């Protein structure tokens, strides 16, 4: 999928929001191509390789900020760190008001 936006979220407390976001962006208008693991991961292929490739080829990473997604052990941190490595724009989306943005993303 070319020219897409990668949605990074925690399944434990951000999945519903991420799915609604994906649907809304895809529906438009204007419509945007989005990459969401629940929709784009292909069975039988290594999921980590698919995720890395999706981040590498994304136009941006949309980071759904929830209590769990900002946890230092969350896979989201690996995803947005990879996006930083690839010099991708990162758009933090604050879902829970009491969540503090990770230090490396404060300037975004």
Protein backbone atom coordinates (compact mmCIF):
# COMPACT_ATOMS: atom_id res chain seq x y z
CA UNK A 1 0.00 0.00 0.00
CA UNK A 2 1.66 3.21 -1.16
CA UNK A 3 0.99 6.69 0.23
CA UNK A 4 -0.56 5.52 3.47
CA UNK A 5 -0.60 6.71 7.07
CA UNK A 6 0.39 4.17 9.74
CA UNK A 7 -1.83 4.02 12.84
CA UNK A 8 0.05 3.08 16.02
CA UNK A 9 -2.12 2.20 19.02
CA UNK A 10 -2.33 -0.08 22.04
CA UNK A 11 -4.87 -2.89 21.58
CA UNK A 12 -5.65 -2.87 25.30
CA UNK A 13 -7.12 0.64 25.45
CA UNK A 14 -6.89 2.20 21.99
CA UNK A 15 -8.18 -0.38 19.53
CA UNK A 16 -11.75 0.94 19.29
CA UNK A 17 -10.52 4.49 18.66
CA UNK A 18 -7.94 3.27 16.10
CA UNK A 19 -10.58 1.34 14.14
CA UNK A 20 -12.96 4.33 14.14
CA UNK A 21 -10.08 6.60 13.04
CA UNK A 22 -9.13 4.19 10.25
CA UNK A 23 -12.71 4.00 9.01
CA UNK A 24 -13.23 7.78 9.15
CA UNK A 25 -9.99 8.56 7.31
CA UNK A 26 -10.67 5.95 4.65
CA UNK A 27 -14.25 7.16 4.15
CA UNK A 28 -13.33 10.84 3.76
CA UNK A 29 -13.95 13.20 2.21
CA UNK A 30 -11.18 13.45 1.34
CA UNK A 31 -10.26 9.83 1.84
CA UNK A 32 -6.82 8.79 3.07
CA UNK A 33 -5.09 5.45 2.78
CA UNK A 34 -4.32 4.12 6.24
CA UNK A 35 -2.41 1.10 7.49
CA UNK A 36 -3.95 -0.60 10.52
CA UNK A 37 -2.62 -3.97 11.66
CA UNK A 38 -6.10 -5.41 12.18
CA UNK A 39 -6.87 -4.73 8.54
CA UNK A 40 -3.56 -5.03 6.67
CA UNK A 41 -1.47 -7.74 8.39
CA UNK A 42 -1.27 -10.78 6.12
CA UNK A 43 -1.37 -14.22 7.74
CA UNK A 44 1.58 -16.46 6.99
CA UNK A 45 4.08 -13.59 6.84
CA UNK A 46 6.21 -12.33 9.72
CA UNK A 47 4.15 -9.61 11.39
CA UNK A 48 7.18 -7.65 12.58
CA UNK A 49 8.58 -7.43 9.04
CA UNK A 50 5.20 -6.27 7.73
CA UNK A 51 4.96 -3.58 10.41
CA UNK A 52 8.50 -2.31 9.78
CA UNK A 53 7.83 -2.13 6.03
CA UNK A 54 4.52 -0.33 6.62
CA UNK A 55 6.29 2.27 8.78
CA UNK A 56 9.17 2.62 6.31
CA UNK A 57 6.81 3.31 3.42
CA UNK A 58 4.28 5.44 5.33
CA UNK A 59 3.79 9.15 4.77
CA UNK A 60 3.29 9.61 8.52
CA UNK A 61 2.67 7.77 11.77
CA UNK A 62 -0.52 8.58 13.65
CA UNK A 63 0.20 7.81 17.32
CA UNK A 64 -2.96 7.11 19.33
CA UNK A 65 -1.93 8.25 22.81
CA UNK A 66 -3.63 6.26 25.54
CA UNK A 67 -2.50 5.27 29.02
CA UNK A 68 -1.08 1.98 27.75
CA UNK A 69 0.42 3.24 24.48
CA UNK A 70 2.75 5.68 26.25
CA UNK A 71 4.09 2.95 28.55
CA UNK A 72 7.81 2.48 27.92
CA UNK A 73 7.22 -1.27 27.35
CA UNK A 74 4.50 -0.71 24.75
CA UNK A 75 5.10 -1.83 21.17
CA UNK A 76 3.94 1.67 20.20
CA UNK A 77 7.26 3.03 21.43
CA UNK A 78 9.08 0.69 19.06
CA UNK A 79 6.82 1.86 16.23
CA UNK A 80 7.28 5.60 16.78
CA UNK A 81 11.01 5.13 17.41
CA UNK A 82 11.21 3.37 14.03
CA UNK A 83 9.25 6.24 12.46
CA UNK A 84 11.78 8.70 13.93
CA UNK A 85 14.60 6.60 12.48
CA UNK A 86 12.98 6.81 9.03
CA UNK A 87 12.38 10.56 9.53
CA UNK A 88 8.62 10.20 9.23
CA UNK A 89 6.26 12.86 10.58
CA UNK A 90 4.58 11.69 13.78
CA UNK A 91 1.16 13.01 14.70
CA UNK A 92 0.31 12.41 18.39
CA UNK A 93 -3.44 12.00 18.94
CA UNK A 94 -4.34 12.49 22.59
CA UNK A 95 -7.17 10.11 23.54
CA UNK A 96 -6.83 10.19 27.34
CA UNK A 97 -6.44 13.68 28.83
CA UNK A 98 -4.24 12.49 31.69
CA UNK A 99 -1.57 11.03 29.39
CA UNK A 100 1.80 12.74 29.14
CA UNK A 101 3.43 12.80 25.73
CA UNK A 102 6.72 10.87 25.56
CA UNK A 103 9.76 13.14 25.86
CA UNK A 104 11.11 12.45 22.37
CA UNK A 105 7.76 13.44 20.83
CA UNK A 106 7.18 16.65 22.79
CA UNK A 107 8.26 18.90 19.92
CA UNK A 108 5.68 17.39 17.56
